Amino acid sequence: MRFKRNKNRFGAPRPFSARMTGPTGKPHKGVYLLPNLFTTAALFCGFYGIVMAMGQQFTTAAVAIFAALVLDSLDGRVARMTNTQSAFGAEYDSLADMVSFGAAPALIIYEWSLSGMGKLGWVAAFVYLAGAALRLARFNTNAAVVDKAWFQGLPSPAAAALVTGFVWVMDDAKMAGAELDWLAWGITFYAGITMVSNVPFFSGKDFHFRRSVPFQVLALIPLVFALVSQDPPKVLFGVFVLYGISGYVVYVVRKVKGQGMKGLDIERDEHF
């Protein structure tokens, strides 16, 4: 979530602490309702996914995580569009993400498949959980930095979609998790490690909804919806599989060309 740099009447940037106070210098007593409603809804979806996984309703659990992904993509945009960014909203969003895209996916795939692997199963689930926590911590250190065109490491929502999308596809196909435990282990471990890697993933933050686009782009939108509606679990999982490997493709291609990561506008934090 990005903060807008407000300026005082002399043109100098205001300190963040000053931006959280009213005209009298006293802190605001309330919080902005609209963006936090989306964050709360995303948090509920993550919690609901955990409850459904405990009840062996894995398709419902996976759908709940995808719903959380959609809601999470809206809260920051709503806050920026309505100029209702706040430090509270940023912290709340991060905590909600840890539940919806960290704890919930780890528990869902553990309950579906990894629990039968003993220690190996919970190790993979914990690697994913720790990867999500570290990824969110690294992202939060860049919260006040201008948005970048590339993420440093796989974003936690995409990692959650990769893990739970696999559960959704296989559960929809009536495949038992115990039969696919090693594949589930590999996907979970891959997602966890990739979140804390330095591999660049396209962020899409250069795209603005207020920007004009060719008419052909608008005409493609119904086709996208039609494609997804044909088989939602397979299509959505396929999209996130492609995204999940796209960073490594970019990394390898640039290495082969001798370009490295130079020239890529990547979110970075010097503490890592």
C-alpha atoms as a PDB file:
ATOM      1  CA  MET A   1       0.000   0.000   0.000  1.00  0.00           C
ATOM      2  CA  ARG A   2       1.514   3.386  -0.982  1.00  0.00           C
ATOM      3  CA  PHE A   3       1.263   6.655   0.891  1.00  0.00           C
ATOM      4  CA  LYS A   4       0.742   9.962  -0.848  1.00  0.00           C
ATOM      5  CA  ARG A   5       3.335  12.538   0.131  1.00  0.00           C
ATOM      6  CA  ASN A   6       1.285  15.478   1.356  1.00  0.00           C
ATOM      7  CA  LYS A   7       2.970  18.879   1.363  1.00  0.00           C
ATOM      8  CA  ASN A   8       2.482  21.934   3.536  1.00  0.00           C
ATOM      9  CA  ARG A   9       1.759  25.413   2.205  1.00  0.00           C
ATOM     10  CA  PHE A  10       5.469  26.073   1.672  1.00  0.00           C
ATOM     11  CA  GLY A  11       5.829  23.005  -0.582  1.00  0.00           C
ATOM     12  CA  ALA A  12       7.906  20.931   1.838  1.00  0.00           C
ATOM     13  CA  PRO A  13       6.869  17.322   2.522  1.00  0.00           C
ATOM     14  CA  ARG A  14       5.038  16.871   5.814  1.00  0.00           C
ATOM     15  CA  PRO A  15       6.398  14.261   8.243  1.00  0.00           C
ATOM     16  CA  PHE A  16       4.300  11.126   8.384  1.00  0.00           C
ATOM     17  CA  SER A  17       3.474  11.735  12.059  1.00  0.00           C
ATOM     18  CA  ALA A  18       2.107  15.161  11.135  1.00  0.00           C
ATOM     19  CA  ARG A  19      -0.100  13.652   8.462  1.00  0.00           C
ATOM     20  CA  MET A  20      -1.791  11.479  11.096  1.00  0.00           C
ATOM     21  CA  THR A  21      -2.945  14.500  13.124  1.00  0.00           C
ATOM     22  CA  GLY A  22      -5.779  16.936  12.662  1.00  0.00           C
ATOM     23  CA  PRO A  23      -5.628  20.750  12.340  1.00  0.00           C
ATOM     24  CA  THR A  24      -5.164  21.125  16.110  1.00  0.00           C
ATOM     25  CA  GLY A  25      -2.192  18.761  16.161  1.00  0.00           C
ATOM     26  CA  LYS A  26      -4.113  16.035  17.945  1.00  0.00           C
ATOM     27  CA  PRO A  27      -4.177  12.493  16.489  1.00  0.00           C
ATOM     28  CA  HIS A  28      -7.255  11.370  14.577  1.00  0.00           C
ATOM     29  CA  LYS A  29      -9.473   9.268  16.832  1.00  0.00           C
ATOM     30  CA  GLY A  30     -11.179   7.340  14.047  1.00  0.00           C
ATOM     31  CA  VAL A  31     -10.191   5.181  11.081  1.00  0.00           C
ATOM     32  CA  TYR A  32     -11.299   5.313   7.481  1.00  0.00           C
ATOM     33  CA  LEU A  33     -14.214   2.953   6.960  1.00  0.00           C
ATOM     34  CA  LEU A  34     -14.279   2.214   3.225  1.00  0.00           C
ATOM     35  CA  PRO A  35     -10.809   0.699   2.550  1.00  0.00           C
ATOM     36  CA  ASN A  36     -10.844  -1.134   5.878  1.00  0.00           C
ATOM     37  CA  LEU A  37     -14.146  -2.771   4.937  1.00  0.00           C
ATOM     38  CA  PHE A  38     -12.404  -4.433   1.991  1.00  0.00           C
ATOM     39  CA  THR A  39      -9.503  -5.464   4.238  1.00  0.00           C
ATOM     40  CA  THR A  40     -11.893  -6.931   6.803  1.00  0.00           C
ATOM     41  CA  ALA A  41     -13.716  -8.836   4.072  1.00  0.00           C
ATOM     42  CA  ALA A  42     -10.400 -10.259   2.824  1.00  0.00           C
ATOM     43  CA  LEU A  43      -9.492 -11.236   6.389  1.00  0.00           C
ATOM     44  CA  PHE A  44     -12.834 -12.981   6.778  1.00  0.00           C
ATOM     45  CA  CYS A  45     -12.249 -14.928   3.561  1.00  0.00           C
ATOM     46  CA  GLY A  46      -8.906 -16.136   4.898  1.00  0.00           C
ATOM     47  CA  PHE A  47     -10.469 -17.197   8.189  1.00  0.00           C
ATOM     48  CA  TYR A  48     -13.357 -18.838   6.356  1.00  0.00           C
ATOM     49  CA  GLY A  49     -10.881 -20.762   4.207  1.00  0.00           C
ATOM     50  CA  ILE A  50      -9.215 -22.126   7.362  1.00  0.00           C
ATOM     51  CA  VAL A  51     -12.555 -23.192   8.838  1.00  0.00           C
ATOM     52  CA  MET A  52     -13.581 -24.912   5.593  1.00  0.00           C
ATOM     53  CA  ALA A  53     -10.251 -26.756   5.378  1.00  0.00           C
ATOM     54  CA  MET A  54     -10.709 -28.031   8.918  1.00  0.00           C
ATOM     55  CA  GLY A  55     -14.098 -29.317   7.781  1.00  0.00           C
ATOM     56  CA  GLN A  56     -12.532 -31.009   4.722  1.00  0.00           C
ATOM     57  CA  GLN A  57     -14.343 -28.615   2.346  1.00  0.00           C
ATOM     58  CA  PHE A  58     -11.261 -27.908   0.276  1.00  0.00           C
ATOM     59  CA  THR A  59     -12.864 -26.477  -2.858  1.00  0.00           C
ATOM     60  CA  THR A  60     -14.758 -23.931  -0.776  1.00  0.00           C
ATOM     61  CA  ALA A  61     -11.578 -23.138   1.149  1.00  0.00           C
ATOM     62  CA  ALA A  62      -9.638 -22.486  -2.072  1.00  0.00           C
ATOM     63  CA  VAL A  63     -12.386 -20.294  -3.505  1.00  0.00           C
ATOM     64  CA  ALA A  64     -12.333 -18.250  -0.289  1.00  0.00           C
ATOM     65  CA  ILE A  65      -8.619 -17.514  -0.786  1.00  0.00           C
ATOM     66  CA  PHE A  66      -9.214 -16.385  -4.366  1.00  0.00           C
ATOM     67  CA  ALA A  67     -12.006 -14.119  -3.083  1.00  0.00           C
ATOM     68  CA  ALA A  68      -9.545 -12.689  -0.555  1.00  0.00           C
ATOM     69  CA  LEU A  69      -7.114 -12.047  -3.411  1.00  0.00           C
ATOM     70  CA  VAL A  70      -9.703  -9.977  -5.280  1.00  0.00           C
ATOM     71  CA  LEU A  71     -10.655  -8.003  -2.169  1.00  0.00           C
ATOM     72  CA  ASP A  72      -7.005  -7.392  -1.291  1.00  0.00           C
ATOM     73  CA  SER A  73      -6.384  -5.945  -4.740  1.00  0.00           C
ATOM     74  CA  LEU A  74      -9.204  -3.444  -4.158  1.00  0.00           C
ATOM     75  CA  ASP A  75      -8.523  -2.036  -0.692  1.00  0.00           C
ATOM     76  CA  GLY A  76      -5.315  -0.227  -1.641  1.00  0.00           C
ATOM     77  CA  ARG A  77      -6.797   1.122  -4.862  1.00  0.00           C
ATOM     78  CA  VAL A  78      -9.893   2.338  -3.022  1.00  0.00           C
ATOM     79  CA  ALA A  79      -7.732   4.052  -0.403  1.00  0.00           C
ATOM     80  CA  ARG A  80      -5.685   5.844  -3.066  1.00  0.00           C
ATOM     81  CA  MET A  81      -8.723   6.818  -5.135  1.00  0.00           C
ATOM     82  CA  THR A  82     -10.553   8.238  -2.093  1.00  0.00           C
ATOM     83  CA  ASN A  83      -7.386   9.664  -0.482  1.00  0.00           C
ATOM     84  CA  THR A  84      -8.012   7.631   2.679  1.00  0.00           C
ATOM     85  CA  GLN A  85      -4.548   6.078   3.155  1.00  0.00           C
ATOM     86  CA  SER A  86      -3.435   5.711   6.756  1.00  0.00           C
ATOM     87  CA  ALA A  87      -0.785   3.998   8.842  1.00  0.00           C
ATOM     88  CA  PHE A  88      -3.532   1.978  10.513  1.00  0.00           C
ATOM     89  CA  GLY A  89      -4.806   0.773   7.141  1.00  0.00           C
ATOM     90  CA  ALA A  90      -1.321  -0.277   6.054  1.00  0.00           C
ATOM     91  CA  GLU A  91      -0.712  -2.287   9.226  1.00  0.00           C
ATOM     92  CA  TYR A  92      -4.198  -3.818   9.177  1.00  0.00           C
ATOM     93  CA  ASP A  93      -3.803  -4.812   5.535  1.00  0.00           C
ATOM     94  CA  SER A  94      -0.474  -6.503   6.297  1.00  0.00           C
ATOM     95  CA  LEU A  95      -1.927  -8.486   9.204  1.00  0.00           C
ATOM     96  CA  ALA A  96      -4.918  -9.538   7.091  1.00  0.00           C
ATOM     97  CA  ASP A  97      -2.570 -10.647   4.298  1.00  0.00           C
ATOM     98  CA  MET A  98      -0.605 -12.774   6.756  1.00  0.00           C
ATOM     99  CA  VAL A  99      -3.783 -14.662   7.603  1.00  0.00           C
ATOM    100  CA  SER A 100      -5.302 -14.880   4.125  1.00  0.00           C
ATOM    101  CA  PHE A 101      -2.127 -15.481   2.094  1.00  0.00           C
ATOM    102  CA  GLY A 102       0.174 -16.945   4.736  1.00  0.00           C
ATOM    103  CA  ALA A 103      -1.506 -19.039   7.413  1.00  0.00           C
ATOM    104  CA  ALA A 104      -4.629 -20.017   5.476  1.00  0.00           C
ATOM    105  CA  PRO A 105      -2.952 -21.491   2.329  1.00  0.00           C
ATOM    106  CA  ALA A 106      -0.376 -23.318   4.469  1.00  0.00           C
ATOM    107  CA  LEU A 107      -3.116 -24.917   6.572  1.00  0.00           C
ATOM    108  CA  ILE A 108      -5.334 -25.712   3.582  1.00  0.00           C
ATOM    109  CA  ILE A 109      -2.678 -27.645   1.673  1.00  0.00           C
ATOM    110  CA  TYR A 110      -1.433 -29.264   4.883  1.00  0.00           C
ATOM    111  CA  GLU A 111      -4.899 -30.551   5.714  1.00  0.00           C
ATOM    112  CA  TRP A 112      -5.514 -31.638   2.114  1.00  0.00           C
ATOM    113  CA  SER A 113      -2.257 -33.473   1.448  1.00  0.00           C
ATOM    114  CA  LEU A 114       0.826 -32.753   3.562  1.00  0.00           C
ATOM    115  CA  SER A 115      -0.471 -34.036   6.903  1.00  0.00           C
ATOM    116  CA  GLY A 116       0.186 -37.624   5.816  1.00  0.00           C
ATOM    117  CA  MET A 117       3.894 -36.929   5.236  1.00  0.00           C
ATOM    118  CA  GLY A 118       4.762 -36.433   8.889  1.00  0.00           C
ATOM    119  CA  LYS A 119       7.573 -33.963   9.592  1.00  0.00           C
ATOM    120  CA  LEU A 120       8.267 -33.385   5.901  1.00  0.00           C
ATOM    121  CA  GLY A 121       4.700 -32.173   5.470  1.00  0.00           C
ATOM    122  CA  TRP A 122       4.700 -29.575   8.197  1.00  0.00           C
ATOM    123  CA  VAL A 123       8.215 -28.451   7.244  1.00  0.00           C
ATOM    124  CA  ALA A 124       6.999 -27.523   3.751  1.00  0.00           C
ATOM    125  CA  ALA A 125       3.938 -25.788   5.195  1.00  0.00           C
ATOM    126  CA  PHE A 126       6.129 -23.852   7.636  1.00  0.00           C
ATOM    127  CA  VAL A 127       8.586 -22.846   4.885  1.00  0.00           C
ATOM    128  CA  TYR A 128       5.622 -21.390   3.012  1.00  0.00           C
ATOM    129  CA  LEU A 129       4.321 -19.626   6.137  1.00  0.00           C
ATOM    130  CA  ALA A 130       7.732 -18.171   6.995  1.00  0.00           C
ATOM    131  CA  GLY A 131       8.239 -17.126   3.367  1.00  0.00           C
ATOM    132  CA  ALA A 132       4.943 -15.225   3.424  1.00  0.00           C
ATOM    133  CA  ALA A 133       5.858 -13.485   6.692  1.00  0.00           C
ATOM    134  CA  LEU A 134       9.289 -12.461   5.401  1.00  0.00           C
ATOM    135  CA  ARG A 135       7.848 -11.350   2.054  1.00  0.00           C
ATOM    136  CA  LEU A 136       5.281  -9.121   3.783  1.00  0.00           C
ATOM    137  CA  ALA A 137       7.912  -7.700   6.130  1.00  0.00           C
ATOM    138  CA  ARG A 138      10.147  -6.853   3.169  1.00  0.00           C
ATOM    139  CA  PHE A 139       7.235  -5.268   1.327  1.00  0.00           C
ATOM    140  CA  ASN A 140       6.280  -3.163   4.364  1.00  0.00           C
ATOM    141  CA  THR A 141       9.739  -1.620   4.493  1.00  0.00           C
ATOM    142  CA  ASN A 142       8.983  -0.218   1.028  1.00  0.00           C
ATOM    143  CA  ALA A 143       5.487   1.032   1.887  1.00  0.00           C
ATOM    144  CA  ALA A 144       6.469   4.699   1.609  1.00  0.00           C
ATOM    145  CA  VAL A 145       8.501   4.199  -1.559  1.00  0.00           C
ATOM    146  CA  VAL A 146       7.075   4.979  -4.976  1.00  0.00           C
ATOM    147  CA  ASP A 147       5.530   1.913  -6.604  1.00  0.00           C
ATOM    148  CA  LYS A 148       7.907  -0.121  -8.747  1.00  0.00           C
ATOM    149  CA  ALA A 149       7.229  -1.928 -11.998  1.00  0.00           C
ATOM    150  CA  TRP A 150       8.686  -5.205 -10.692  1.00  0.00           C
ATOM    151  CA  PHE A 151       8.268  -7.100  -7.425  1.00  0.00           C
ATOM    152  CA  GLN A 152      11.315  -8.499  -5.660  1.00  0.00           C
ATOM    153  CA  GLY A 153      10.186 -12.096  -5.167  1.00  0.00           C
ATOM    154  CA  LEU A 154       6.802 -13.700  -5.744  1.00  0.00           C
ATOM    155  CA  PRO A 155       3.977 -11.639  -4.138  1.00  0.00           C
ATOM    156  CA  SER A 156       2.199 -13.483  -1.314  1.00  0.00           C
ATOM    157  CA  PRO A 157      -1.276 -13.284  -2.968  1.00  0.00           C
ATOM    158  CA  ALA A 158       0.119 -14.960  -6.103  1.00  0.00           C
ATOM    159  CA  ALA A 159       1.859 -17.602  -3.971  1.00  0.00           C
ATOM    160  CA  ALA A 160      -1.419 -18.271  -2.157  1.00  0.00           C
ATOM    161  CA  ALA A 161      -3.243 -18.594  -5.491  1.00  0.00           C
ATOM    162  CA  LEU A 162      -0.578 -21.032  -6.713  1.00  0.00           C
ATOM    163  CA  VAL A 163      -0.895 -23.281  -3.646  1.00  0.00           C
ATOM    164  CA  THR A 164      -4.663 -23.188  -3.174  1.00  0.00           C
ATOM    165  CA  GLY A 165      -5.275 -23.219  -6.932  1.00  0.00           C
ATOM    166  CA  PHE A 166      -3.553 -26.595  -7.060  1.00  0.00           C
ATOM    167  CA  VAL A 167      -5.811 -27.850  -4.253  1.00  0.00           C
ATOM    168  CA  TRP A 168      -8.861 -26.496  -6.056  1.00  0.00           C
ATOM    169  CA  VAL A 169      -7.999 -28.148  -9.386  1.00  0.00           C
ATOM    170  CA  MET A 170      -7.222 -31.538  -7.866  1.00  0.00           C
ATOM    171  CA  ASP A 171     -10.147 -31.559  -5.455  1.00  0.00           C
ATOM    172  CA  ASP A 172     -12.456 -30.582  -8.318  1.00  0.00           C
ATOM    173  CA  ALA A 173     -11.066 -33.563 -10.265  1.00  0.00           C
ATOM    174  CA  LYS A 174     -11.786 -35.821  -7.237  1.00  0.00           C
ATOM    175  CA  MET A 175      -8.078 -36.519  -6.748  1.00  0.00           C
ATOM    176  CA  ALA A 176      -7.063 -37.446  -3.199  1.00  0.00           C
ATOM    177  CA  GLY A 177      -4.382 -35.306  -1.612  1.00  0.00           C
ATOM    178  CA  ALA A 178      -2.563 -38.365  -0.272  1.00  0.00           C
ATOM    179  CA  GLU A 179      -1.910 -39.504  -3.857  1.00  0.00           C
ATOM    180  CA  LEU A 180      -0.269 -36.184  -4.741  1.00  0.00           C
ATOM    181  CA  ASP A 181       1.655 -35.472  -1.553  1.00  0.00           C
ATOM    182  CA  TRP A 182       5.080 -35.045  -3.156  1.00  0.00           C
ATOM    183  CA  LEU A 183       3.726 -32.764  -5.880  1.00  0.00           C
ATOM    184  CA  ALA A 184       1.889 -30.740  -3.237  1.00  0.00           C
ATOM    185  CA  TRP A 185       5.105 -30.614  -1.197  1.00  0.00           C
ATOM    186  CA  GLY A 186       7.080 -29.336  -4.184  1.00  0.00           C
ATOM    187  CA  ILE A 187       4.569 -26.600  -5.046  1.00  0.00           C
ATOM    188  CA  THR A 188       4.328 -25.447  -1.427  1.00  0.00           C
ATOM    189  CA  PHE A 189       8.109 -25.359  -0.981  1.00  0.00           C
ATOM    190  CA  TYR A 190       8.585 -23.615  -4.341  1.00  0.00           C
ATOM    191  CA  ALA A 191       6.060 -20.909  -3.455  1.00  0.00           C
ATOM    192  CA  GLY A 192       7.635 -20.313  -0.048  1.00  0.00           C
ATOM    193  CA  ILE A 193      11.197 -20.028  -1.347  1.00  0.00           C
ATOM    194  CA  THR A 194      10.232 -17.921  -4.352  1.00  0.00           C
ATOM    195  CA  MET A 195       8.524 -15.357  -2.127  1.00  0.00           C
ATOM    196  CA  VAL A 196      11.849 -14.522  -0.449  1.00  0.00           C
ATOM    197  CA  SER A 197      13.967 -14.732  -3.605  1.00  0.00           C
ATOM    198  CA  ASN A 198      15.347 -11.765  -5.530  1.00  0.00           C
ATOM    199  CA  VAL A 199      13.702 -12.955  -8.749  1.00  0.00           C
ATOM    200  CA  PRO A 200      11.756 -10.130 -10.476  1.00  0.00           C
ATOM    201  CA  PHE A 201       8.018 -10.512 -11.038  1.00  0.00           C
ATOM    202  CA  PHE A 202       6.005  -8.010 -13.030  1.00  0.00           C
ATOM    203  CA  SER A 203       3.836  -5.942 -10.674  1.00  0.00           C
ATOM    204  CA  GLY A 204       1.362  -4.431 -13.124  1.00  0.00           C
ATOM    205  CA  LYS A 205       1.487  -1.177 -11.142  1.00  0.00           C
ATOM    206  CA  ASP A 206       2.209   0.786 -14.303  1.00  0.00           C
ATOM    207  CA  PHE A 207      -1.337   0.079 -15.438  1.00  0.00           C
ATOM    208  CA  HIS A 208      -3.846   2.784 -14.520  1.00  0.00           C
ATOM    209  CA  PHE A 209      -7.580   2.391 -14.934  1.00  0.00           C
ATOM    210  CA  ARG A 210      -7.949   6.069 -15.799  1.00  0.00           C
ATOM    211  CA  ARG A 211      -5.626   5.718 -18.777  1.00  0.00           C
ATOM    212  CA  SER A 212      -7.227   5.423 -22.208  1.00  0.00           C
ATOM    213  CA  VAL A 213      -6.750   2.136 -24.061  1.00  0.00           C
ATOM    214  CA  PRO A 214      -7.515   0.983 -27.614  1.00  0.00           C
ATOM    215  CA  PHE A 215     -11.054  -0.232 -28.229  1.00  0.00           C
ATOM    216  CA  GLN A 216      -9.736  -3.742 -28.988  1.00  0.00           C
ATOM    217  CA  VAL A 217      -8.537  -4.062 -25.387  1.00  0.00           C
ATOM    218  CA  LEU A 218     -12.041  -3.381 -24.101  1.00  0.00           C
ATOM    219  CA  ALA A 219     -13.441  -5.947 -26.525  1.00  0.00           C
ATOM    220  CA  LEU A 220     -11.116  -8.615 -25.089  1.00  0.00           C
ATOM    221  CA  ILE A 221     -12.580  -8.339 -21.583  1.00  0.00           C
ATOM    222  CA  PRO A 222     -15.744 -10.396 -22.356  1.00  0.00           C
ATOM    223  CA  LEU A 223     -13.510 -13.050 -23.933  1.00  0.00           C
ATOM    224  CA  VAL A 224     -11.452 -13.273 -20.747  1.00  0.00           C
ATOM    225  CA  PHE A 225     -14.576 -13.719 -18.631  1.00  0.00           C
ATOM    226  CA  ALA A 226     -15.875 -16.339 -21.047  1.00  0.00           C
ATOM    227  CA  LEU A 227     -12.583 -18.245 -20.897  1.00  0.00           C
ATOM    228  CA  VAL A 228     -12.512 -18.243 -17.091  1.00  0.00           C
ATOM    229  CA  SER A 229     -16.139 -19.345 -16.889  1.00  0.00           C
ATOM    230  CA  GLN A 230     -15.397 -22.467 -18.950  1.00  0.00           C
ATOM    231  CA  ASP A 231     -13.353 -24.034 -16.161  1.00  0.00           C
ATOM    232  CA  PRO A 232     -12.463 -21.561 -13.370  1.00  0.00           C
ATOM    233  CA  PRO A 233     -10.099 -23.768 -11.326  1.00  0.00           C
ATOM    234  CA  LYS A 234      -7.986 -24.882 -14.280  1.00  0.00           C
ATOM    235  CA  VAL A 235      -7.860 -21.492 -15.983  1.00  0.00           C
ATOM    236  CA  LEU A 236      -7.021 -19.547 -12.815  1.00  0.00           C
ATOM    237  CA  PHE A 237      -4.463 -22.087 -11.659  1.00  0.00           C
ATOM    238  CA  GLY A 238      -2.879 -22.071 -15.132  1.00  0.00           C
ATOM    239  CA  VAL A 239      -2.596 -18.285 -15.053  1.00  0.00           C
ATOM    240  CA  PHE A 240      -0.824 -18.310 -11.694  1.00  0.00           C
ATOM    241  CA  VAL A 241       1.458 -21.175 -12.719  1.00  0.00           C
ATOM    242  CA  LEU A 242       2.592 -19.085 -15.687  1.00  0.00           C
ATOM    243  CA  TYR A 243       3.037 -16.058 -13.451  1.00  0.00           C
ATOM    244  CA  GLY A 244       4.860 -18.144 -10.856  1.00  0.00           C
ATOM    245  CA  ILE A 245       7.524 -19.177 -13.357  1.00  0.00           C
ATOM    246  CA  SER A 246       7.619 -15.914 -15.321  1.00  0.00           C
ATOM    247  CA  GLY A 247      10.062 -14.327 -12.906  1.00  0.00           C
ATOM    248  CA  TYR A 248      12.605 -17.090 -13.387  1.00  0.00           C
ATOM    249  CA  VAL A 249      12.191 -16.836 -17.163  1.00  0.00           C
ATOM    250  CA  VAL A 250      12.928 -13.102 -17.026  1.00  0.00           C
ATOM    251  CA  TYR A 251      15.863 -13.723 -14.699  1.00  0.00           C
ATOM    252  CA  VAL A 252      17.428 -16.426 -16.922  1.00  0.00           C
ATOM    253  CA  VAL A 253      16.882 -14.490 -20.164  1.00  0.00           C
ATOM    254  CA  ARG A 254      18.519 -11.371 -18.748  1.00  0.00           C
ATOM    255  CA  LYS A 255      21.396 -13.414 -17.328  1.00  0.00           C
ATOM    256  CA  VAL A 256      21.987 -15.050 -20.708  1.00  0.00           C
ATOM    257  CA  LYS A 257      22.000 -11.633 -22.369  1.00  0.00           C
ATOM    258  CA  GLY A 258      24.428 -10.366 -19.729  1.00  0.00           C
ATOM    259  CA  GLN A 259      21.969  -7.712 -18.543  1.00  0.00           C
ATOM    260  CA  GLY A 260      21.429  -9.000 -15.007  1.00  0.00           C
ATOM    261  CA  MET A 261      18.880  -6.973 -13.058  1.00  0.00           C
ATOM    262  CA  LYS A 262      20.183  -3.652 -14.378  1.00  0.00           C
ATOM    263  CA  GLY A 263      17.522  -1.414 -15.839  1.00  0.00           C
ATOM    264  CA  LEU A 264      14.646  -3.133 -14.021  1.00  0.00           C
ATOM    265  CA  ASP A 265      12.648  -0.833 -11.738  1.00  0.00           C
ATOM    266  CA  ILE A 266      12.454  -3.318  -8.839  1.00  0.00           C
ATOM    267  CA  GLU A 267      11.134  -2.684  -5.338  1.00  0.00           C
ATOM    268  CA  ARG A 268      14.197  -3.095  -3.156  1.00  0.00           C
ATOM    269  CA  ASP A 269      15.094  -2.614   0.458  1.00  0.00           C
ATOM    270  CA  GLU A 270      18.727  -2.155   1.403  1.00  0.00           C
ATOM    271  CA  HIS A 271      18.199  -3.973   4.737  1.00  0.00           C
ATOM    272  CA  PHE A 272      17.848  -7.325   2.915  1.00  0.00           C
END
